[in-house]
All heavy atoms as atom14 arrays in JSON, in Angstrom:
{
  "sequence": "PTEMRLLLEFSAAPGTVLSRDRLLERVWDYGWGGDTRVVDV",
  "atom14_mask": [
    [1, 1, 1, 1, 1, 1, 1, 0, 0, 0, 0, 0, 0, 0],
    [1, 1, 1, 1, 1, 1, 1, 0, 0, 0, 0, 0, 0, 0],
    [1, 1, 1, 1, 1, 1, 1, 1, 1, 0, 0, 0, 0, 0],
    [1, 1, 1, 1, 1, 1, 1, 1, 0, 0, 0, 0, 0, 0],
    [1, 1, 1, 1, 1, 1, 1, 1, 1, 1, 1, 0, 0, 0],
    [1, 1, 1, 1, 1, 1, 1, 1, 0, 0, 0, 0, 0, 0],
    [1, 1, 1, 1, 1, 1, 1, 1, 0, 0, 0, 0, 0, 0],
    [1, 1, 1, 1, 1, 1, 1, 1, 0, 0, 0, 0, 0, 0],
    [1, 1, 1, 1, 1, 1, 1, 1, 1, 0, 0, 0, 0, 0],
    [1, 1, 1, 1, 1, 1, 1, 1, 1, 1, 1, 0, 0, 0],
    [1, 1, 1, 1, 1, 1, 0, 0, 0, 0, 0, 0, 0, 0],
    [1, 1, 1, 1, 1, 0, 0, 0, 0, 0, 0, 0, 0, 0],
    [1, 1, 1, 1, 1, 0, 0, 0, 0, 0, 0, 0, 0, 0],
    [1, 1, 1, 1, 1, 1, 1, 0, 0, 0, 0, 0, 0, 0],
    [1, 1, 1, 1, 0, 0, 0, 0, 0, 0, 0, 0, 0, 0],
    [1, 1, 1, 1, 1, 1, 1, 0, 0, 0, 0, 0, 0, 0],
    [1, 1, 1, 1, 1, 1, 1, 0, 0, 0, 0, 0, 0, 0],
    [1, 1, 1, 1, 1, 1, 1, 1, 0, 0, 0, 0, 0, 0],
    [1, 1, 1, 1, 1, 1, 0, 0, 0, 0, 0, 0, 0, 0],
    [1, 1, 1, 1, 1, 1, 1, 1, 1, 1, 1, 0, 0, 0],
    [1, 1, 1, 1, 1, 1, 1, 1, 0, 0, 0, 0, 0, 0],
    [1, 1, 1, 1, 1, 1, 1, 1, 1, 1, 1, 0, 0, 0],
    [1, 1, 1, 1, 1, 1, 1, 1, 0, 0, 0, 0, 0, 0],
    [1, 1, 1, 1, 1, 1, 1, 1, 0, 0, 0, 0, 0, 0],
    [1, 1, 1, 1, 1, 1, 1, 1, 1, 0, 0, 0, 0, 0],
    [1, 1, 1, 1, 1, 1, 1, 1, 1, 1, 1, 0, 0, 0],
    [1, 1, 1, 1, 1, 1, 1, 0, 0, 0, 0, 0, 0, 0],
    [1, 1, 1, 1, 1, 1, 1, 1, 1, 1, 1, 1, 1, 1],
    [1, 1, 1, 1, 1, 1, 1, 1, 0, 0, 0, 0, 0, 0],
    [1, 1, 1, 1, 1, 1, 1, 1, 1, 1, 1, 1, 0, 0],
    [1, 1, 1, 1, 0, 0, 0, 0, 0, 0, 0, 0, 0, 0],
    [1, 1, 1, 1, 1, 1, 1, 1, 1, 1, 1, 1, 1, 1],
    [1, 1, 1, 1, 0, 0, 0, 0, 0, 0, 0, 0, 0, 0],
    [1, 1, 1, 1, 0, 0, 0, 0, 0, 0, 0, 0, 0, 0],
    [1, 1, 1, 1, 1, 1, 1, 1, 0, 0, 0, 0, 0, 0],
    [1, 1, 1, 1, 1, 1, 1, 0, 0, 0, 0, 0, 0, 0],
    [1, 1, 1, 1, 1, 1, 1, 1, 1, 1, 1, 0, 0, 0],
    [1, 1, 1, 1, 1, 1, 1, 0, 0, 0, 0, 0, 0, 0],
    [1, 1, 1, 1, 1, 1, 1, 0, 0, 0, 0, 0, 0, 0],
    [1, 1, 1, 1, 1, 1, 1, 1, 0, 0, 0, 0, 0, 0],
    [1, 1, 1, 1, 1, 1, 1, 0, 0, 0, 0, 0, 0, 0]
  ],
  "atom14_positions": [
    [[132.91, 57.63, 38.88], [133.54, 58.24, 40.07], [133.67, 57.28, 41.24], [134.62, 57.28, 41.98], [132.62, 59.43, 40.32], [132.18, 59.84, 38.99], [131.91, 58.51, 38.23], [0.0, 0.0, 0.0], [0.0, 0.0, 0.0], [0.0, 0.0, 0.0], [0.0, 0.0, 0.0], [0.0, 0.0, 0.0], [0.0, 0.0, 0.0], [0.0, 0.0, 0.0]],
    [[132.61, 56.51, 41.48], [132.63, 55.57, 42.55], [133.69, 54.48, 42.37], [134.48, 54.14, 43.32], [131.27, 54.83, 42.75], [130.3, 55.84, 42.99], [131.32, 53.87, 43.93], [0.0, 0.0, 0.0], [0.0, 0.0, 0.0], [0.0, 0.0, 0.0], [0.0, 0.0, 0.0], [0.0, 0.0, 0.0], [0.0, 0.0, 0.0], [0.0, 0.0, 0.0]],
    [[133.79, 54.01, 41.15], [134.91, 53.01, 40.88], [136.24, 53.63, 41.03], [137.21, 53.01, 41.52], [134.73, 52.49, 39.44], [133.49, 51.59, 39.26], [133.11, 51.38, 37.84], [133.75, 51.96, 36.95], [132.19, 50.51, 37.56], [0.0, 0.0, 0.0], [0.0, 0.0, 0.0], [0.0, 0.0, 0.0], [0.0, 0.0, 0.0], [0.0, 0.0, 0.0]],
    [[136.39, 54.89, 40.64], [137.67, 55.62, 40.77], [138.01, 55.81, 42.22], [139.15, 55.56, 42.62], [137.56, 57.01, 40.09], [138.87, 57.73, 40.01], [140.06, 56.92, 38.88], [141.63, 57.77, 39.34], [0.0, 0.0, 0.0], [0.0, 0.0, 0.0], [0.0, 0.0, 0.0], [0.0, 0.0, 0.0], [0.0, 0.0, 0.0], [0.0, 0.0, 0.0]],
    [[137.06, 56.17, 43.04], [137.37, 56.33, 44.44], [137.76, 54.96, 45.08], [138.62, 54.88, 45.91], [136.15, 56.93, 45.19], [135.95, 58.36, 44.97], [134.74, 58.89, 45.76], [135.05, 58.84, 47.21], [135.72, 59.84, 47.83], [136.22, 60.81, 47.26], [135.93, 59.66, 49.17], [0.0, 0.0, 0.0], [0.0, 0.0, 0.0], [0.0, 0.0, 0.0]],
    [[137.09, 53.91, 44.69], [137.41, 52.59, 45.2], [138.9, 52.18, 44.83], [139.63, 51.71, 45.63], [136.37, 51.56, 44.66], [136.6, 50.12, 45.12], [136.43, 50.03, 46.61], [135.51, 49.22, 44.4], [0.0, 0.0, 0.0], [0.0, 0.0, 0.0], [0.0, 0.0, 0.0], [0.0, 0.0, 0.0], [0.0, 0.0, 0.0], [0.0, 0.0, 0.0]],
    [[139.21, 52.47, 43.53], [140.6, 52.17, 43.06], [141.6, 53.02, 43.84], [142.69, 52.54, 44.2], [140.71, 52.36, 41.57], [142.08, 52.08, 40.96], [142.57, 50.67, 41.31], [142.04, 52.33, 39.46], [0.0, 0.0, 0.0], [0.0, 0.0, 0.0], [0.0, 0.0, 0.0], [0.0, 0.0, 0.0], [0.0, 0.0, 0.0], [0.0, 0.0, 0.0]],
    [[141.31, 54.3, 44.09], [142.2, 55.14, 44.82], [142.44, 54.68, 46.25], [143.57, 54.71, 46.78], [141.69, 56.56, 44.84], [141.81, 57.32, 43.5], [141.0, 58.68, 43.61], [143.23, 57.55, 43.13], [0.0, 0.0, 0.0], [0.0, 0.0, 0.0], [0.0, 0.0, 0.0], [0.0, 0.0, 0.0], [0.0, 0.0, 0.0], [0.0, 0.0, 0.0]],
    [[141.34, 54.09, 46.88], [141.58, 53.53, 48.18], [142.52, 52.37, 48.19], [143.44, 52.25, 48.96], [140.24, 53.02, 48.75], [139.37, 54.18, 49.36], [139.96, 54.74, 50.62], [140.73, 54.06, 51.3], [139.62, 55.93, 50.89], [0.0, 0.0, 0.0], [0.0, 0.0, 0.0], [0.0, 0.0, 0.0], [0.0, 0.0, 0.0], [0.0, 0.0, 0.0]],
    [[142.34, 51.5, 47.21], [143.3, 50.38, 47.03], [144.69, 50.83, 46.72], [145.69, 50.27, 47.25], [142.77, 49.42, 45.98], [141.6, 48.52, 46.36], [140.39, 48.53, 45.64], [141.73, 47.66, 47.49], [139.37, 47.76, 46.04], [140.64, 46.83, 47.85], [139.49, 46.92, 47.13], [0.0, 0.0, 0.0], [0.0, 0.0, 0.0], [0.0, 0.0, 0.0]],
    [[144.79, 51.83, 45.83], [146.09, 52.3, 45.36], [146.84, 52.98, 46.47], [148.14, 53.0, 46.45], [145.87, 53.28, 44.21], [145.25, 52.65, 43.1], [0.0, 0.0, 0.0], [0.0, 0.0, 0.0], [0.0, 0.0, 0.0], [0.0, 0.0, 0.0], [0.0, 0.0, 0.0], [0.0, 0.0, 0.0], [0.0, 0.0, 0.0], [0.0, 0.0, 0.0]],
    [[146.12, 53.57, 47.45], [146.81, 54.22, 48.5], [147.44, 53.27, 49.52], [148.38, 53.64, 50.26], [145.8, 55.12, 49.29], [0.0, 0.0, 0.0], [0.0, 0.0, 0.0], [0.0, 0.0, 0.0], [0.0, 0.0, 0.0], [0.0, 0.0, 0.0], [0.0, 0.0, 0.0], [0.0, 0.0, 0.0], [0.0, 0.0, 0.0], [0.0, 0.0, 0.0]],
    [[147.07, 52.01, 49.44], [147.52, 51.01, 50.35], [147.73, 49.67, 49.66], [147.11, 48.64, 50.04], [146.68, 50.85, 51.55], [0.0, 0.0, 0.0], [0.0, 0.0, 0.0], [0.0, 0.0, 0.0], [0.0, 0.0, 0.0], [0.0, 0.0, 0.0], [0.0, 0.0, 0.0], [0.0, 0.0, 0.0], [0.0, 0.0, 0.0], [0.0, 0.0, 0.0]],
    [[148.58, 49.61, 48.66], [148.76, 48.31, 47.94], [149.31, 47.23, 48.82], [150.18, 47.49, 49.61], [149.77, 48.69, 46.81], [150.49, 49.88, 47.32], [149.51, 50.65, 48.14], [0.0, 0.0, 0.0], [0.0, 0.0, 0.0], [0.0, 0.0, 0.0], [0.0, 0.0, 0.0], [0.0, 0.0, 0.0], [0.0, 0.0, 0.0], [0.0, 0.0, 0.0]],
    [[148.71, 46.05, 48.67], [149.16, 44.92, 49.53], [148.5, 44.85, 50.89], [148.68, 43.9, 51.62], [0.0, 0.0, 0.0], [0.0, 0.0, 0.0], [0.0, 0.0, 0.0], [0.0, 0.0, 0.0], [0.0, 0.0, 0.0], [0.0, 0.0, 0.0], [0.0, 0.0, 0.0], [0.0, 0.0, 0.0], [0.0, 0.0, 0.0], [0.0, 0.0, 0.0]],
    [[147.77, 45.95, 51.24], [147.07, 45.94, 52.5], [145.64, 45.52, 52.38], [144.93, 45.99, 51.43], [147.1, 47.43, 53.11], [148.45, 47.86, 53.24], [146.38, 47.48, 54.37], [0.0, 0.0, 0.0], [0.0, 0.0, 0.0], [0.0, 0.0, 0.0], [0.0, 0.0, 0.0], [0.0, 0.0, 0.0], [0.0, 0.0, 0.0], [0.0, 0.0, 0.0]],
    [[145.2, 44.64, 53.26], [143.85, 44.13, 53.2], [142.91, 45.24, 53.72], [143.07, 45.73, 54.86], [143.65, 42.87, 54.06], [142.19, 42.38, 54.0], [144.62, 41.8, 53.52], [0.0, 0.0, 0.0], [0.0, 0.0, 0.0], [0.0, 0.0, 0.0], [0.0, 0.0, 0.0], [0.0, 0.0, 0.0], [0.0, 0.0, 0.0], [0.0, 0.0, 0.0]],
    [[141.9, 45.59, 52.93], [140.93, 46.55, 53.3], [139.58, 45.88, 53.53], [139.13, 45.18, 52.65], [140.75, 47.65, 52.19], [142.03, 48.43, 51.77], [141.74, 49.45, 50.72], [142.73, 49.03, 52.96], [0.0, 0.0, 0.0], [0.0, 0.0, 0.0], [0.0, 0.0, 0.0], [0.0, 0.0, 0.0], [0.0, 0.0, 0.0], [0.0, 0.0, 0.0]],
    [[139.01, 46.05, 54.69], [137.76, 45.42, 55.02], [136.62, 46.05, 54.26], [136.66, 47.23, 53.84], [137.47, 45.45, 56.53], [137.19, 46.85, 56.91], [0.0, 0.0, 0.0], [0.0, 0.0, 0.0], [0.0, 0.0, 0.0], [0.0, 0.0, 0.0], [0.0, 0.0, 0.0], [0.0, 0.0, 0.0], [0.0, 0.0, 0.0], [0.0, 0.0, 0.0]],
    [[135.54, 45.32, 54.11], [134.35, 45.89, 53.46], [133.78, 47.02, 54.25], [133.33, 48.01, 53.65], [133.33, 44.76, 53.32], [133.62, 43.69, 52.34], [132.66, 42.54, 52.32], [132.95, 41.52, 51.36], [133.87, 40.54, 51.43], [134.57, 40.45, 52.53], [134.05, 39.7, 50.48], [0.0, 0.0, 0.0], [0.0, 0.0, 0.0], [0.0, 0.0, 0.0]],
    [[133.8, 46.96, 55.6], [133.29, 48.06, 56.37], [134.12, 49.32, 56.21], [133.57, 50.43, 56.12], [133.31, 47.66, 57.88], [132.23, 46.68, 58.2], [131.24, 46.57, 57.45], [132.36, 45.95, 59.22], [0.0, 0.0, 0.0], [0.0, 0.0, 0.0], [0.0, 0.0, 0.0], [0.0, 0.0, 0.0], [0.0, 0.0, 0.0], [0.0, 0.0, 0.0]],
    [[135.46, 49.19, 56.08], [136.31, 50.34, 55.86], [135.99, 50.96, 54.49], [135.94, 52.18, 54.39], [137.76, 49.97, 55.96], [138.68, 51.08, 55.57], [140.12, 50.8, 55.67], [140.99, 51.78, 55.08], [142.29, 51.8, 55.14], [142.96, 50.86, 55.86], [142.97, 52.73, 54.54], [0.0, 0.0, 0.0], [0.0, 0.0, 0.0], [0.0, 0.0, 0.0]],
    [[135.83, 50.11, 53.53], [135.53, 50.61, 52.14], [134.14, 51.31, 52.14], [133.97, 52.34, 51.5], [135.64, 49.49, 51.11], [136.99, 48.93, 50.89], [136.93, 47.67, 50.09], [137.88, 49.99, 50.22], [0.0, 0.0, 0.0], [0.0, 0.0, 0.0], [0.0, 0.0, 0.0], [0.0, 0.0, 0.0], [0.0, 0.0, 0.0], [0.0, 0.0, 0.0]],
    [[133.18, 50.75, 52.86], [131.87, 51.39, 52.92], [132.01, 52.77, 53.52], [131.36, 53.74, 53.07], [130.94, 50.55, 53.77], [130.18, 49.4, 53.1], [129.38, 48.6, 54.16], [129.23, 49.99, 52.02], [0.0, 0.0, 0.0], [0.0, 0.0, 0.0], [0.0, 0.0, 0.0], [0.0, 0.0, 0.0], [0.0, 0.0, 0.0], [0.0, 0.0, 0.0]],
    [[132.8, 52.91, 54.55], [132.97, 54.18, 55.22], [133.73, 55.15, 54.42], [133.35, 56.39, 54.24], [133.71, 53.98, 56.57], [133.96, 55.25, 57.27], [134.75, 55.04, 58.62], [135.01, 53.84, 58.96], [135.14, 56.06, 59.24], [0.0, 0.0, 0.0], [0.0, 0.0, 0.0], [0.0, 0.0, 0.0], [0.0, 0.0, 0.0], [0.0, 0.0, 0.0]],
    [[134.82, 54.72, 53.74], [135.72, 55.62, 53.0], [135.18, 55.97, 51.6], [135.37, 57.11, 51.13], [137.12, 54.99, 52.93], [137.76, 54.81, 54.26], [138.13, 56.12, 54.92], [139.14, 56.82, 54.15], [140.45, 56.65, 54.32], [140.92, 55.77, 55.21], [141.29, 57.35, 53.62], [0.0, 0.0, 0.0], [0.0, 0.0, 0.0], [0.0, 0.0, 0.0]],
    [[134.59, 55.0, 50.92], [134.19, 55.24, 49.57], [132.71, 55.66, 49.51], [132.41, 56.59, 48.76], [134.37, 53.97, 48.63], [133.87, 54.19, 47.26], [135.81, 53.6, 48.66], [0.0, 0.0, 0.0], [0.0, 0.0, 0.0], [0.0, 0.0, 0.0], [0.0, 0.0, 0.0], [0.0, 0.0, 0.0], [0.0, 0.0, 0.0], [0.0, 0.0, 0.0]],
    [[131.81, 55.01, 50.29], [130.45, 55.33, 50.28], [129.97, 56.29, 51.33], [128.83, 56.72, 51.33], [129.64, 54.06, 50.33], [129.54, 53.34, 49.02], [128.52, 53.44, 48.1], [130.5, 52.42, 48.5], [128.91, 52.65, 46.99], [130.06, 52.02, 47.21], [131.71, 51.88, 48.99], [130.76, 51.1, 46.42], [132.42, 50.99, 48.16], [131.96, 50.59, 46.93]],
    [[130.95, 56.73, 52.18], [130.64, 57.69, 53.18], [129.59, 57.22, 54.18], [128.77, 58.03, 54.67], [130.21, 59.08, 52.54], [130.37, 60.25, 53.43], [131.07, 60.12, 54.48], [129.77, 61.29, 53.14], [0.0, 0.0, 0.0], [0.0, 0.0, 0.0], [0.0, 0.0, 0.0], [0.0, 0.0, 0.0], [0.0, 0.0, 0.0], [0.0, 0.0, 0.0]],
    [[129.59, 55.93, 54.47], [128.62, 55.41, 55.42], [129.16, 55.61, 56.82], [130.23, 55.01, 57.15], [128.35, 53.94, 55.2], [127.44, 53.57, 54.11], [127.14, 54.43, 53.07], [126.77, 52.36, 54.14], [126.27, 54.06, 52.03], [125.88, 51.94, 53.08], [125.64, 52.85, 52.06], [124.8, 52.47, 51.1], [0.0, 0.0, 0.0], [0.0, 0.0, 0.0]],
    [[128.47, 56.37, 57.59], [128.88, 56.52, 59.02], [128.2, 55.43, 59.88], [128.22, 55.47, 61.07], [0.0, 0.0, 0.0], [0.0, 0.0, 0.0], [0.0, 0.0, 0.0], [0.0, 0.0, 0.0], [0.0, 0.0, 0.0], [0.0, 0.0, 0.0], [0.0, 0.0, 0.0], [0.0, 0.0, 0.0], [0.0, 0.0, 0.0], [0.0, 0.0, 0.0]],
    [[127.54, 54.44, 59.22], [126.83, 53.43, 59.91], [127.0, 52.16, 59.11], [127.52, 52.15, 58.01], [125.32, 53.77, 59.98], [124.69, 53.94, 58.66], [124.06, 53.03, 57.83], [124.62, 55.16, 57.89], [123.61, 53.58, 56.73], [123.95, 54.88, 56.67], [125.06, 56.54, 58.07], [123.73, 55.86, 55.69], [124.87, 57.4, 57.17], [124.17, 57.11, 55.98]],
    [[126.61, 51.05, 59.67], [126.68, 49.77, 58.97], [125.88, 49.8, 57.66], [124.79, 50.24, 57.64], [0.0, 0.0, 0.0], [0.0, 0.0, 0.0], [0.0, 0.0, 0.0], [0.0, 0.0, 0.0], [0.0, 0.0, 0.0], [0.0, 0.0, 0.0], [0.0, 0.0, 0.0], [0.0, 0.0, 0.0], [0.0, 0.0, 0.0], [0.0, 0.0, 0.0]],
    [[126.42, 49.25, 56.65], [125.7, 49.18, 55.33], [125.8, 47.79, 54.8], [126.42, 46.91, 55.32], [0.0, 0.0, 0.0], [0.0, 0.0, 0.0], [0.0, 0.0, 0.0], [0.0, 0.0, 0.0], [0.0, 0.0, 0.0], [0.0, 0.0, 0.0], [0.0, 0.0, 0.0], [0.0, 0.0, 0.0], [0.0, 0.0, 0.0], [0.0, 0.0, 0.0]],
    [[125.15, 47.61, 53.66], [125.12, 46.32, 52.95], [126.38, 46.13, 52.18], [126.67, 46.92, 51.24], [123.88, 46.29, 52.0], [123.64, 44.94, 51.41], [124.6, 44.1, 51.39], [122.55, 44.7, 50.93], [0.0, 0.0, 0.0], [0.0, 0.0, 0.0], [0.0, 0.0, 0.0], [0.0, 0.0, 0.0], [0.0, 0.0, 0.0], [0.0, 0.0, 0.0]],
    [[127.12, 45.12, 52.53], [128.47, 44.94, 51.87], [128.36, 44.46, 50.46], [129.32, 44.4, 49.75], [129.34, 43.96, 52.69], [128.64, 42.71, 52.81], [129.62, 44.52, 54.08], [0.0, 0.0, 0.0], [0.0, 0.0, 0.0], [0.0, 0.0, 0.0], [0.0, 0.0, 0.0], [0.0, 0.0, 0.0], [0.0, 0.0, 0.0], [0.0, 0.0, 0.0]],
    [[127.14, 44.16, 49.98], [126.96, 43.78, 48.57], [127.31, 44.98, 47.7], [127.81, 44.75, 46.59], [125.52, 43.37, 48.32], [125.18, 41.99, 48.86], [123.7, 41.65, 48.55], [122.77, 42.55, 49.15], [121.41, 42.46, 49.08], [120.89, 41.45, 48.39], [120.68, 43.3, 49.69], [0.0, 0.0, 0.0], [0.0, 0.0, 0.0], [0.0, 0.0, 0.0]],
    [[127.18, 46.16, 48.22], [127.59, 47.38, 47.37], [129.01, 47.29, 47.13], [129.49, 47.53, 46.0], [127.2, 48.63, 48.13], [127.73, 49.83, 47.44], [125.7, 48.72, 48.38], [0.0, 0.0, 0.0], [0.0, 0.0, 0.0], [0.0, 0.0, 0.0], [0.0, 0.0, 0.0], [0.0, 0.0, 0.0], [0.0, 0.0, 0.0], [0.0, 0.0, 0.0]],
    [[129.83, 46.9, 48.08], [131.25, 46.8, 47.95], [131.59, 45.64, 46.94], [132.42, 45.84, 45.99], [131.97, 46.61, 49.29], [133.46, 46.4, 49.07], [131.73, 47.77, 50.17], [0.0, 0.0, 0.0], [0.0, 0.0, 0.0], [0.0, 0.0, 0.0], [0.0, 0.0, 0.0], [0.0, 0.0, 0.0], [0.0, 0.0, 0.0], [0.0, 0.0, 0.0]],
    [[131.04, 44.51, 47.24], [131.39, 43.3, 46.42], [131.06, 43.52, 44.95], [131.84, 43.11, 44.13], [130.59, 42.07, 46.99], [130.97, 41.7, 48.39], [132.12, 42.06, 48.8], [130.2, 41.11, 49.05], [0.0, 0.0, 0.0], [0.0, 0.0, 0.0], [0.0, 0.0, 0.0], [0.0, 0.0, 0.0], [0.0, 0.0, 0.0], [0.0, 0.0, 0.0]],
    [[129.95, 44.11, 44.67], [129.57, 44.28, 43.21], [130.48, 45.24, 42.6], [130.93, 45.11, 41.43], [128.1, 44.7, 43.06], [127.77, 45.04, 41.61], [127.14, 43.57, 43.57], [0.0, 0.0, 0.0], [0.0, 0.0, 0.0], [0.0, 0.0, 0.0], [0.0, 0.0, 0.0], [0.0, 0.0, 0.0], [0.0, 0.0, 0.0], [0.0, 0.0, 0.0]]
  ]
}
């Protein structure tokens, strides 16, 4: 499910650069700064 949500974020904006912080907020529901290694892995 996490991989699916990540792919849906990318699919909703193809060709648009999504920052790690935005992905942390949108996919992992972080309302605060988090470790971007979660995104990278």
